[in-house]
C-alpha atoms as a PDB file:
ATOM      1  CA  UNK A   1      29.437 -62.036 116.931  1.00  0.00           C
ATOM      2  CA  UNK A   2      30.448 -61.525 120.609  1.00  0.00           C
ATOM      3  CA  UNK A   3      30.719 -58.072 122.045  1.00  0.00           C
ATOM      4  CA  UNK A   4      31.184 -56.788 125.161  1.00  0.00           C
ATOM      5  CA  UNK A   5      29.163 -54.137 126.865  1.00  0.00           C
ATOM      6  CA  UNK A   6      28.305 -51.477 128.967  1.00  0.00           C
ATOM      7  CA  UNK A   7      25.118 -52.468 130.469  1.00  0.00           C
ATOM      8  CA  UNK A   8      25.359 -50.594 133.817  1.00  0.00           C
ATOM      9  CA  UNK A   9      28.040 -47.829 134.750  1.00  0.00           C
ATOM     10  CA  UNK A  10      30.403 -49.223 137.774  1.00  0.00           C
ATOM     11  CA  UNK A  11      33.099 -51.128 137.650  1.00  0.00           C
ATOM     12  CA  UNK A  12      34.471 -53.216 134.334  1.00  0.00           C
ATOM     13  CA  UNK A  13      33.548 -56.478 136.205  1.00  0.00           C
ATOM     14  CA  UNK A  14      30.355 -55.048 137.607  1.00  0.00           C
ATOM     15  CA  UNK A  15      29.445 -53.101 134.388  1.00  0.00           C
ATOM     16  CA  UNK A  16      30.117 -55.628 131.206  1.00  0.00           C
ATOM     17  CA  UNK A  17      28.478 -57.997 129.988  1.00  0.00           C
ATOM     18  CA  UNK A  18      29.197 -60.644 127.053  1.00  0.00           C
ATOM     19  CA  UNK A  19      26.436 -60.842 124.327  1.00  0.00           C
ATOM     20  CA  UNK A  20      25.665 -61.950 120.947  1.00  0.00           C
ATOM     21  CA  UNK A  21      24.641 -59.026 118.465  1.00  0.00           C
ATOM     22  CA  UNK A  22      24.587 -58.253 114.966  1.00  0.00           C
ATOM     23  CA  UNK A  23      27.600 -57.363 112.809  1.00  0.00           C
ATOM     24  CA  UNK A  24      27.757 -53.913 112.887  1.00  0.00           C
ATOM     25  CA  UNK A  25      27.115 -51.529 109.577  1.00  0.00           C
ATOM     26  CA  UNK A  26      29.208 -49.232 108.483  1.00  0.00           C
ATOM     27  CA  UNK A  27      27.853 -45.770 107.626  1.00  0.00           C
ATOM     28  CA  UNK A  28      28.780 -43.064 105.594  1.00  0.00           C
ATOM     29  CA  UNK A  29      32.564 -42.494 105.684  1.00  0.00           C
ATOM     30  CA  UNK A  30      33.127 -45.653 108.310  1.00  0.00           C
ATOM     31  CA  UNK A  31      34.996 -49.091 107.734  1.00  0.00           C
ATOM     32  CA  UNK A  32      34.110 -52.423 109.260  1.00  0.00           C
ATOM     33  CA  UNK A  33      37.187 -54.251 111.036  1.00  0.00           C
ATOM     34  CA  UNK A  34      37.599 -57.678 112.173  1.00  0.00           C
ATOM     35  CA  UNK A  35      39.455 -57.178 115.121  1.00  0.00           C
ATOM     36  CA  UNK A  36      42.446 -59.645 115.525  1.00  0.00           C
ATOM     37  CA  UNK A  37      43.618 -56.830 118.643  1.00  0.00           C
ATOM     38  CA  UNK A  38      42.743 -54.356 120.493  1.00  0.00           C
ATOM     39  CA  UNK A  39      44.707 -51.925 123.053  1.00  0.00           C
ATOM     40  CA  UNK A  40      43.302 -51.492 126.072  1.00  0.00           C
ATOM     41  CA  UNK A  41      43.600 -48.507 127.899  1.00  0.00           C
ATOM     42  CA  UNK A  42      42.390 -46.243 131.323  1.00  0.00           C
ATOM     43  CA  UNK A  43      39.816 -44.348 129.094  1.00  0.00           C
ATOM     44  CA  UNK A  44      37.724 -47.438 128.395  1.00  0.00           C
ATOM     45  CA  UNK A  45      37.647 -47.955 132.350  1.00  0.00           C
ATOM     46  CA  UNK A  46      36.491 -44.927 132.513  1.00  0.00           C
ATOM     47  CA  UNK A  47      33.357 -45.352 129.827  1.00  0.00           C
ATOM     48  CA  UNK A  48      32.349 -48.181 132.355  1.00  0.00           C
ATOM     49  CA  UNK A  49      32.242 -45.995 135.077  1.00  0.00           C
ATOM     50  CA  UNK A  50      30.498 -43.181 132.963  1.00  0.00           C
ATOM     51  CA  UNK A  51      32.945 -40.738 133.551  1.00  0.00           C
ATOM     52  CA  UNK A  52      34.784 -40.467 130.583  1.00  0.00           C
ATOM     53  CA  UNK A  53      33.596 -37.270 128.153  1.00  0.00           C
ATOM     54  CA  UNK A  54      32.957 -39.200 125.203  1.00  0.00           C
ATOM     55  CA  UNK A  55      31.049 -42.368 126.874  1.00  0.00           C
ATOM     56  CA  UNK A  56      28.288 -43.129 124.393  1.00  0.00           C
ATOM     57  CA  UNK A  57      24.934 -43.965 125.603  1.00  0.00           C
ATOM     58  CA  UNK A  58      23.790 -47.474 127.446  1.00  0.00           C
ATOM     59  CA  UNK A  59      24.717 -50.244 126.080  1.00  0.00           C
ATOM     60  CA  UNK A  60      27.963 -49.641 124.126  1.00  0.00           C
ATOM     61  CA  UNK A  61      30.790 -51.828 123.128  1.00  0.00           C
ATOM     62  CA  UNK A  62      33.819 -49.828 124.585  1.00  0.00           C
ATOM     63  CA  UNK A  63      37.806 -49.594 123.049  1.00  0.00           C
ATOM     64  CA  UNK A  64      39.408 -47.116 121.128  1.00  0.00           C
ATOM     65  CA  UNK A  65      42.002 -48.944 120.117  1.00  0.00           C
ATOM     66  CA  UNK A  66      42.205 -51.680 117.256  1.00  0.00           C
ATOM     67  CA  UNK A  67      44.491 -53.202 114.531  1.00  0.00           C
ATOM     68  CA  UNK A  68      42.687 -55.685 112.249  1.00  0.00           C
ATOM     69  CA  UNK A  69      40.942 -56.542 108.624  1.00  0.00           C
ATOM     70  CA  UNK A  70      38.360 -54.747 106.640  1.00  0.00           C
ATOM     71  CA  UNK A  71      35.492 -56.422 105.890  1.00  0.00           C
ATOM     72  CA  UNK A  72      33.108 -53.807 104.896  1.00  0.00           C
ATOM     73  CA  UNK A  73      32.926 -50.256 103.974  1.00  0.00           C
ATOM     74  CA  UNK A  74      30.076 -47.207 103.760  1.00  0.00           C
ATOM     75  CA  UNK A  75      29.519 -45.159 100.695  1.00  0.00           C
ATOM     76  CA  UNK A  76      32.615 -42.847 100.139  1.00  0.00           C
ATOM     77  CA  UNK A  77      35.544 -44.643 101.451  1.00  0.00           C
ATOM     78  CA  UNK A  78      38.264 -46.345  99.068  1.00  0.00           C
ATOM     79  CA  UNK A  79      39.869 -48.494 101.271  1.00  0.00           C
ATOM     80  CA  UNK A  80      40.374 -51.832 100.537  1.00  0.00           C
ATOM     81  CA  UNK A  81      38.085 -54.959 101.449  1.00  0.00           C
ATOM     82  CA  UNK A  82      41.165 -57.373 103.501  1.00  0.00           C
ATOM     83  CA  UNK A  83      43.518 -54.177 104.210  1.00  0.00           C
ATOM     84  CA  UNK A  84      45.743 -54.511 107.426  1.00  0.00           C
ATOM     85  CA  UNK A  85      44.952 -51.698 109.350  1.00  0.00           C
ATOM     86  CA  UNK A  86      45.104 -50.403 112.645  1.00  0.00           C
ATOM     87  CA  UNK A  87      42.692 -47.284 113.752  1.00  0.00           C
ATOM     88  CA  UNK A  88      40.686 -45.536 116.440  1.00  0.00           C
ATOM     89  CA  UNK A  89      37.091 -47.157 116.222  1.00  0.00           C
ATOM     90  CA  UNK A  90      33.767 -45.322 116.489  1.00  0.00           C
ATOM     91  CA  UNK A  91      34.228 -46.280 120.032  1.00  0.00           C
ATOM     92  CA  UNK A  92      32.117 -42.833 120.140  1.00  0.00           C
ATOM     93  CA  UNK A  93      28.774 -44.460 118.895  1.00  0.00           C
ATOM     94  CA  UNK A  94      29.303 -47.121 120.687  1.00  0.00           C
ATOM     95  CA  UNK A  95      31.166 -49.558 118.714  1.00  0.00           C
ATOM     96  CA  UNK A  96      34.408 -49.829 119.660  1.00  0.00           C
ATOM     97  CA  UNK A  97      36.601 -52.398 119.256  1.00  0.00           C
ATOM     98  CA  UNK A  98      35.986 -55.090 122.429  1.00  0.00           C
ATOM     99  CA  UNK A  99      34.550 -57.349 119.911  1.00  0.00           C
ATOM    100  CA  UNK A 100      34.692 -59.729 117.043  1.00  0.00           C
ATOM    101  CA  UNK A 101      33.915 -56.592 114.741  1.00  0.00           C
ATOM    102  CA  UNK A 102      33.783 -53.073 114.867  1.00  0.00           C
ATOM    103  CA  UNK A 103      33.464 -50.003 113.414  1.00  0.00           C
ATOM    104  CA  UNK A 104      35.605 -47.355 112.435  1.00  0.00           C
ATOM    105  CA  UNK A 105      35.408 -43.510 110.573  1.00  0.00           C
ATOM    106  CA  UNK A 106      38.099 -43.687 107.721  1.00  0.00           C
ATOM    107  CA  UNK A 107      39.746 -40.539 107.989  1.00  0.00           C
ATOM    108  CA  UNK A 108      41.316 -43.006 111.188  1.00  0.00           C
ATOM    109  CA  UNK A 109      42.203 -45.792 109.636  1.00  0.00           C
ATOM    110  CA  UNK A 110      45.690 -46.670 109.001  1.00  0.00           C
ATOM    111  CA  UNK A 111      48.157 -49.305 107.749  1.00  0.00           C
ATOM    112  CA  UNK A 112      50.202 -51.066 109.840  1.00  0.00           C
ATOM    113  CA  UNK A 113      53.516 -50.469 110.325  1.00  0.00           C
ATOM    114  CA  UNK A 114      55.904 -52.530 108.991  1.00  0.00           C
ATOM    115  CA  UNK A 115      57.060 -55.686 111.441  1.00  0.00           C
ATOM    116  CA  UNK A 116      54.442 -54.942 113.941  1.00  0.00           C
ATOM    117  CA  UNK A 117      52.510 -57.662 114.808  1.00  0.00           C
ATOM    118  CA  UNK A 118      48.637 -57.218 115.369  1.00  0.00           C
ATOM    119  CA  UNK A 119      49.296 -57.143 118.907  1.00  0.00           C
ATOM    120  CA  UNK A 120      52.281 -54.363 118.758  1.00  0.00           C
ATOM    121  CA  UNK A 121      49.713 -52.768 116.073  1.00  0.00           C
ATOM    122  CA  UNK A 122      46.241 -52.235 118.522  1.00  0.00           C
ATOM    123  CA  UNK A 123      48.554 -50.677 121.413  1.00  0.00           C
ATOM    124  CA  UNK A 124      50.826 -48.389 118.940  1.00  0.00           C
ATOM    125  CA  UNK A 125      48.559 -45.463 117.419  1.00  0.00           C
ATOM    126  CA  UNK A 126      47.554 -43.517 120.240  1.00  0.00           C
ATOM    127  CA  UNK A 127      50.495 -43.806 122.427  1.00  0.00           C
ATOM    128  CA  UNK A 128      52.675 -42.565 119.766  1.00  0.00           C
ATOM    129  CA  UNK A 129      50.187 -40.111 117.836  1.00  0.00           C
ATOM    130  CA  UNK A 130      49.752 -38.606 121.662  1.00  0.00           C
ATOM    131  CA  UNK A 131      53.198 -38.548 122.296  1.00  0.00           C
ATOM    132  CA  UNK A 132      54.083 -36.912 118.808  1.00  0.00           C
ATOM    133  CA  UNK A 133      51.572 -34.559 119.130  1.00  0.00           C
ATOM    134  CA  UNK A 134      52.853 -33.446 122.915  1.00  0.00           C
ATOM    135  CA  UNK A 135      56.055 -33.514 122.428  1.00  0.00           C
ATOM    136  CA  UNK A 136      56.807 -32.468 118.713  1.00  0.00           C
ATOM    137  CA  UNK A 137      53.921 -30.570 117.537  1.00  0.00           C
ATOM    138  CA  UNK A 138      52.457 -29.028 121.163  1.00  0.00           C
ATOM    139  CA  UNK A 139      56.293 -29.102 122.776  1.00  0.00           C
ATOM    140  CA  UNK A 140      58.234 -28.176 120.442  1.00  0.00           C
ATOM    141  CA  UNK A 141      60.946 -30.391 122.549  1.00  0.00           C
ATOM    142  CA  UNK A 142      64.328 -30.064 121.306  1.00  0.00           C
ATOM    143  CA  UNK A 143      67.763 -32.239 121.712  1.00  0.00           C
ATOM    144  CA  UNK A 144      69.689 -31.372 124.450  1.00  0.00           C
ATOM    145  CA  UNK A 145      66.638 -30.226 126.959  1.00  0.00           C
ATOM    146  CA  UNK A 146      65.291 -31.493 129.674  1.00  0.00           C
ATOM    147  CA  UNK A 147      61.928 -34.072 129.335  1.00  0.00           C
ATOM    148  CA  UNK A 148      60.349 -35.077 132.683  1.00  0.00           C
ATOM    149  CA  UNK A 149      57.973 -37.905 131.623  1.00  0.00           C
ATOM    150  CA  UNK A 150      54.962 -38.872 134.608  1.00  0.00           C
ATOM    151  CA  UNK A 151      53.485 -42.087 134.267  1.00  0.00           C
ATOM    152  CA  UNK A 152      56.140 -43.090 132.463  1.00  0.00           C
ATOM    153  CA  UNK A 153      55.752 -46.477 132.952  1.00  0.00           C
ATOM    154  CA  UNK A 154      52.565 -46.130 131.025  1.00  0.00           C
ATOM    155  CA  UNK A 155      51.098 -46.934 127.497  1.00  0.00           C
ATOM    156  CA  UNK A 156      51.568 -43.178 126.528  1.00  0.00           C
ATOM    157  CA  UNK A 157      54.486 -42.457 129.195  1.00  0.00           C
ATOM    158  CA  UNK A 158      56.509 -45.684 127.386  1.00  0.00           C
ATOM    159  CA  UNK A 159      55.922 -43.614 123.529  1.00  0.00           C
ATOM    160  CA  UNK A 160      56.993 -40.108 125.591  1.00  0.00           C
ATOM    161  CA  UNK A 161      59.969 -41.633 127.079  1.00  0.00           C
ATOM    162  CA  UNK A 162      61.199 -43.528 123.803  1.00  0.00           C
ATOM    163  CA  UNK A 163      59.957 -40.177 121.511  1.00  0.00           C
ATOM    164  CA  UNK A 164      61.843 -37.820 123.358  1.00  0.00           C
ATOM    165  CA  UNK A 165      64.955 -40.118 123.500  1.00  0.00           C
ATOM    166  CA  UNK A 166      64.994 -40.162 119.650  1.00  0.00           C
ATOM    167  CA  UNK A 167      63.998 -36.438 119.306  1.00  0.00           C
ATOM    168  CA  UNK A 168      67.504 -36.153 121.544  1.00  0.00           C
ATOM    169  CA  UNK A 169      65.996 -34.513 124.589  1.00  0.00           C
ATOM    170  CA  UNK A 170      67.519 -35.950 128.068  1.00  0.00           C
ATOM    171  CA  UNK A 171      63.952 -37.977 129.475  1.00  0.00           C
ATOM    172  CA  UNK A 172      63.839 -38.383 133.023  1.00  0.00           C
ATOM    173  CA  UNK A 173      61.142 -41.231 134.022  1.00  0.00           C
ATOM    174  CA  UNK A 174      59.038 -40.596 136.653  1.00  0.00           C
ATOM    175  CA  UNK A 175      57.516 -43.639 137.874  1.00  0.00           C
ATOM    176  CA  UNK A 176      56.013 -45.618 141.261  1.00  0.00           C
ATOM    177  CA  UNK A 177      58.963 -48.197 141.527  1.00  0.00           C
ATOM    178  CA  UNK A 178      61.854 -50.037 141.165  1.00  0.00           C
ATOM    179  CA  UNK A 179      60.697 -52.643 139.026  1.00  0.00           C
ATOM    180  CA  UNK A 180      59.110 -49.217 136.495  1.00  0.00           C
ATOM    181  CA  UNK A 181      62.667 -46.924 136.851  1.00  0.00           C
ATOM    182  CA  UNK A 182      64.534 -49.861 135.304  1.00  0.00           C
ATOM    183  CA  UNK A 183      62.204 -49.848 132.632  1.00  0.00           C
ATOM    184  CA  UNK A 184      61.972 -46.875 131.698  1.00  0.00           C
ATOM    185  CA  UNK A 185      66.161 -46.797 131.762  1.00  0.00           C
ATOM    186  CA  UNK A 186      65.674 -49.703 129.269  1.00  0.00           C
ATOM    187  CA  UNK A 187      63.594 -47.682 126.999  1.00  0.00           C
ATOM    188  CA  UNK A 188      66.229 -44.673 126.868  1.00  0.00           C
ATOM    189  CA  UNK A 189      65.163 -42.236 129.925  1.00  0.00           C
ATOM    190  CA  UNK A 190      68.351 -40.759 131.687  1.00  0.00           C
ATOM    191  CA  UNK A 191      67.496 -40.935 134.932  1.00  0.00           C
ATOM    192  CA  UNK A 192      64.166 -42.603 136.712  1.00  0.00           C
ATOM    193  CA  UNK A 193      62.586 -41.022 139.973  1.00  0.00           C
ATOM    194  CA  UNK A 194      59.852 -42.673 141.898  1.00  0.00           C
ATOM    195  CA  UNK A 195      57.385 -40.108 143.166  1.00  0.00           C
ATOM    196  CA  UNK A 196      56.157 -42.372 146.330  1.00  0.00           C
ATOM    197  CA  UNK A 197      59.560 -41.752 147.783  1.00  0.00           C
ATOM    198  CA  UNK A 198      58.556 -38.036 147.842  1.00  0.00           C
ATOM    199  CA  UNK A 199      58.301 -34.626 146.528  1.00  0.00           C
ATOM    200  CA  UNK A 200      60.511 -34.709 142.922  1.00  0.00           C
ATOM    201  CA  UNK A 201      61.454 -31.231 143.163  1.00  0.00           C
ATOM    202  CA  UNK A 202      64.472 -31.384 144.759  1.00  0.00           C
ATOM    203  CA  UNK A 203      65.604 -34.605 143.237  1.00  0.00           C
ATOM    204  CA  UNK A 204      64.563 -32.587 139.394  1.00  0.00           C
ATOM    205  CA  UNK A 205      66.462 -29.617 140.488  1.00  0.00           C
ATOM    206  CA  UNK A 206      69.491 -31.523 141.352  1.00  0.00           C
ATOM    207  CA  UNK A 207      69.781 -33.348 138.092  1.00  0.00           C
ATOM    208  CA  UNK A 208      69.065 -30.726 135.849  1.00  0.00           C
ATOM    209  CA  UNK A 209      72.084 -28.628 137.864  1.00  0.00           C
ATOM    210  CA  UNK A 210      69.828 -25.664 138.784  1.00  0.00           C
ATOM    211  CA  UNK A 211      68.708 -25.564 135.127  1.00  0.00           C
ATOM    212  CA  UNK A 212      64.908 -26.463 135.599  1.00  0.00           C
ATOM    213  CA  UNK A 213      62.927 -29.165 133.372  1.00  0.00           C
ATOM    214  CA  UNK A 214      62.013 -27.698 129.769  1.00  0.00           C
ATOM    215  CA  UNK A 215      59.547 -29.700 129.344  1.00  0.00           C
ATOM    216  CA  UNK A 216      57.029 -32.127 131.324  1.00  0.00           C
ATOM    217  CA  UNK A 217      54.826 -34.573 129.409  1.00  0.00           C
ATOM    218  CA  UNK A 218      51.872 -35.111 131.905  1.00  0.00           C
ATOM    219  CA  UNK A 219      49.375 -37.922 131.502  1.00  0.00           C
ATOM    220  CA  UNK A 220      49.012 -37.754 135.406  1.00  0.00           C
ATOM    221  CA  UNK A 221      47.551 -33.940 136.415  1.00  0.00           C
ATOM    222  CA  UNK A 222      47.460 -33.653 140.564  1.00  0.00           C
ATOM    223  CA  UNK A 223      49.643 -33.000 142.994  1.00  0.00           C
ATOM    224  CA  UNK A 224      52.631 -35.028 140.827  1.00  0.00           C
ATOM    225  CA  UNK A 225      52.012 -32.553 137.794  1.00  0.00           C
ATOM    226  CA  UNK A 226      52.071 -29.626 140.543  1.00  0.00           C
ATOM    227  CA  UNK A 227      55.710 -31.131 141.687  1.00  0.00           C
ATOM    228  CA  UNK A 228      56.749 -31.106 138.298  1.00  0.00           C
ATOM    229  CA  UNK A 229      55.872 -27.915 137.275  1.00  0.00           C
ATOM    230  CA  UNK A 230      57.457 -25.958 140.451  1.00  0.00           C
ATOM    231  CA  UNK A 231      60.456 -26.699 138.753  1.00  0.00           C
ATOM    232  CA  UNK A 232      59.697 -25.211 135.248  1.00  0.00           C
ATOM    233  CA  UNK A 233      62.937 -23.701 133.932  1.00  0.00           C
ATOM    234  CA  UNK A 234      62.611 -20.411 131.864  1.00  0.00           C
ATOM    235  CA  UNK A 235      60.332 -21.054 128.579  1.00  0.00           C
ATOM    236  CA  UNK A 236      59.266 -23.932 130.626  1.00  0.00           C
ATOM    237  CA  UNK A 237      55.906 -25.957 128.651  1.00  0.00           C
ATOM    238  CA  UNK A 238      53.936 -28.190 130.756  1.00  0.00           C
ATOM    239  CA  UNK A 239      52.231 -30.549 128.751  1.00  0.00           C
ATOM    240  CA  UNK A 240      48.563 -31.358 129.722  1.00  0.00           C
ATOM    241  CA  UNK A 241      47.579 -34.321 128.348  1.00  0.00           C
ATOM    242  CA  UNK A 242      45.544 -36.337 130.328  1.00  0.00           C
ATOM    243  CA  UNK A 243      44.296 -36.657 134.450  1.00  0.00           C
ATOM    244  CA  UNK A 244      45.096 -40.527 135.507  1.00  0.00           C
ATOM    245  CA  UNK A 245      45.903 -39.503 138.989  1.00  0.00           C
ATOM    246  CA  UNK A 246      41.926 -37.884 138.968  1.00  0.00           C
ATOM    247  CA  UNK A 247      42.469 -34.259 138.675  1.00  0.00           C
ATOM    248  CA  UNK A 248      44.381 -32.052 135.569  1.00  0.00           C
ATOM    249  CA  UNK A 249      47.033 -30.548 136.881  1.00  0.00           C
ATOM    250  CA  UNK A 250      46.597 -26.965 138.330  1.00  0.00           C
ATOM    251  CA  UNK A 251      49.399 -24.787 138.321  1.00  0.00           C
ATOM    252  CA  UNK A 252      49.303 -21.260 140.318  1.00  0.00           C
ATOM    253  CA  UNK A 253      49.717 -18.717 137.335  1.00  0.00           C
ATOM    254  CA  UNK A 254      52.259 -16.561 139.409  1.00  0.00           C
ATOM    255  CA  UNK A 255      54.815 -19.318 139.127  1.00  0.00           C
ATOM    256  CA  UNK A 256      53.814 -19.552 134.768  1.00  0.00           C
ATOM    257  CA  UNK A 257      54.935 -15.569 134.816  1.00  0.00           C
ATOM    258  CA  UNK A 258      58.019 -15.413 136.353  1.00  0.00           C
ATOM    259  CA  UNK A 259      59.296 -18.147 134.353  1.00  0.00           C
ATOM    260  CA  UNK A 260      58.326 -17.293 130.947  1.00  0.00           C
ATOM    261  CA  UNK A 261      56.705 -20.575 131.110  1.00  0.00           C
ATOM    262  CA  UNK A 262      53.329 -22.206 129.700  1.00  0.00           C
ATOM    263  CA  UNK A 263      50.673 -24.564 130.270  1.00  0.00           C
ATOM    264  CA  UNK A 264      49.880 -26.465 127.248  1.00  0.00           C
ATOM    265  CA  UNK A 265      46.935 -28.294 125.899  1.00  0.00           C
ATOM    266  CA  UNK A 266      47.828 -31.569 124.425  1.00  0.00           C
ATOM    267  CA  UNK A 267      44.865 -33.151 122.304  1.00  0.00           C
ATOM    268  CA  UNK A 268      45.369 -36.037 119.626  1.00  0.00           C
ATOM    269  CA  UNK A 269      42.475 -35.554 117.647  1.00  0.00           C
ATOM    270  CA  UNK A 270      41.301 -33.031 115.224  1.00  0.00           C
ATOM    271  CA  UNK A 271      43.802 -33.555 112.919  1.00  0.00           C
ATOM    272  CA  UNK A 272      43.115 -33.644 108.875  1.00  0.00           C
ATOM    273  CA  UNK A 273      43.899 -36.623 107.224  1.00  0.00           C
ATOM    274  CA  UNK A 274      47.195 -35.284 105.867  1.00  0.00           C
ATOM    275  CA  UNK A 275      48.408 -34.959 109.309  1.00  0.00           C
ATOM    276  CA  UNK A 276      47.828 -38.125 110.514  1.00  0.00           C
ATOM    277  CA  UNK A 277      49.772 -39.821 107.010  1.00  0.00           C
ATOM    278  CA  UNK A 278      52.832 -37.604 107.751  1.00  0.00           C
ATOM    279  CA  UNK A 279      52.920 -38.383 111.263  1.00  0.00           C
ATOM    280  CA  UNK A 280      52.183 -42.179 110.626  1.00  0.00           C
ATOM    281  CA  UNK A 281      54.858 -42.029 108.165  1.00  0.00           C
ATOM    282  CA  UNK A 282      57.381 -40.124 110.988  1.00  0.00           C
ATOM    283  CA  UNK A 283      56.503 -43.060 113.433  1.00  0.00           C
ATOM    284  CA  UNK A 284      57.112 -45.405 110.809  1.00  0.00           C
ATOM    285  CA  UNK A 285      60.419 -44.027 110.241  1.00  0.00           C
ATOM    286  CA  UNK A 286      61.247 -44.351 113.930  1.00  0.00           C
ATOM    287  CA  UNK A 287      60.034 -47.694 114.285  1.00  0.00           C
ATOM    288  CA  UNK A 288      61.845 -49.211 111.107  1.00  0.00           C
ATOM    289  CA  UNK A 289      65.009 -47.300 112.716  1.00  0.00           C
ATOM    290  CA  UNK A 290      64.560 -49.111 116.177  1.00  0.00           C
ATOM    291  CA  UNK A 291      64.355 -45.812 117.682  1.00  0.00           C
ATOM    292  CA  UNK A 292      60.689 -47.192 119.043  1.00  0.00           C
ATOM    293  CA  UNK A 293      59.098 -49.670 120.365  1.00  0.00           C
ATOM    294  CA  UNK A 294      56.323 -50.925 121.001  1.00  0.00           C
ATOM    295  CA  UNK A 295      54.689 -50.021 124.394  1.00  0.00           C
ATOM    296  CA  UNK A 296      52.607 -53.667 124.877  1.00  0.00           C
ATOM    297  CA  UNK A 297      53.912 -55.807 126.917  1.00  0.00           C
ATOM    298  CA  UNK A 298      51.262 -58.332 127.082  1.00  0.00           C
ATOM    299  CA  UNK A 299      48.289 -59.494 126.207  1.00  0.00           C
ATOM    300  CA  UNK A 300      44.775 -61.479 127.433  1.00  0.00           C
ATOM    301  CA  UNK A 301      42.727 -63.759 126.155  1.00  0.00           C
ATOM    302  CA  UNK A 302      39.029 -62.046 124.815  1.00  0.00           C
ATOM    303  CA  UNK A 303      37.117 -63.757 127.471  1.00  0.00           C
ATOM    304  CA  UNK A 304      39.026 -61.705 130.232  1.00  0.00           C
ATOM    305  CA  UNK A 305      38.828 -58.750 129.286  1.00  0.00           C
ATOM    306  CA  UNK A 306      36.802 -57.603 132.566  1.00  0.00           C
ATOM    307  CA  UNK A 307      40.121 -58.710 134.829  1.00  0.00           C
ATOM    308  CA  UNK A 308      42.066 -56.705 132.778  1.00  0.00           C
ATOM    309  CA  UNK A 309      40.753 -53.821 132.910  1.00  0.00           C
ATOM    310  CA  UNK A 310      40.932 -53.856 136.221  1.00  0.00           C
ATOM    311  CA  UNK A 311      44.208 -54.769 136.351  1.00  0.00           C
ATOM    312  CA  UNK A 312      44.396 -51.182 134.310  1.00  0.00           C
ATOM    313  CA  UNK A 313      41.913 -49.596 137.158  1.00  0.00           C
ATOM    314  CA  UNK A 314      44.408 -50.681 139.338  1.00  0.00           C
ATOM    315  CA  UNK A 315      47.524 -49.539 138.094  1.00  0.00           C
ATOM    316  CA  UNK A 316      49.034 -53.491 138.178  1.00  0.00           C
ATOM    317  CA  UNK A 317      49.851 -53.198 134.377  1.00  0.00           C
ATOM    318  CA  UNK A 318      53.673 -52.057 132.799  1.00  0.00           C
ATOM    319  CA  UNK A 319      53.258 -50.693 129.982  1.00  0.00           C
ATOM    320  CA  UNK A 320      50.514 -51.655 127.696  1.00  0.00           C
ATOM    321  CA  UNK A 321      47.836 -54.256 127.201  1.00  0.00           C
ATOM    322  CA  UNK A 322      45.920 -55.536 124.697  1.00  0.00           C
ATOM    323  CA  UNK A 323      43.305 -57.595 124.473  1.00  0.00           C
ATOM    324  CA  UNK A 324      43.630 -60.719 121.814  1.00  0.00           C
ATOM    325  CA  UNK A 325      46.610 -60.588 119.368  1.00  0.00           C
ATOM    326  CA  UNK A 326      49.754 -62.270 118.970  1.00  0.00           C
END
């Protein structure tokens, strides 16, 4: 089969090679999936560079997200062959979804919700699971609260904007230009701010009438995160999701203390199968009710993966980019 492999660390166009390899064999507790579509994310860029914490040994096939059909199962797995599924791949073992076939832990394999095509399914689960983990499980965001979403036009941000609106929060999308601002308003954001125009704290104070923000959904980190956190209201929560800006949020402890605010870690891993199925059910219901839509805004052919990863690295993608699919 054909597969993209990272053969040396560097920028994706230099690190990746298209190779022919044997189909992977699922081990105990694993399934093999014929890839119909694969989600592309910043972690894939970081794996090419060798800077992602879960980067496997060279050579390896990246790709965390997949939608496709089960073609083989390992021992102890009850997933029927031919099932149409979405999953988080066994990318940490080097068997990611940027290939014609990939492996996934059976515990991460879930049915594709009704109405989702392959491309939408491939880009749905990780962004929305992360959004649910941050806003519901960890952030306890409630109706009427002010929610700021940093990096709001990215895959994770789009999911958080929509989910926040579905929860009844007053969502403020923080983006990098007018096009992204307009896009986030269409997704349900009450307001949108361009962080490139200057510090966002004054605008947030004005928007909230001096109340401050109740929650910050932060996949960006760095100076932008510190700026947003300076406006946390009493009992506010800063939800640390990622560090797309290059570093984790650094928030002074005294600032948290005087507001009775919290810095809350968000990691969409370590959940039991029952917990994942419960979240899958909640998200599927919201999707069916029209309160969520796919974060996928574009697809690229299999052979164009290096260029697609370059676009993600250059922040040239609004929304979620997917390899293959329709």
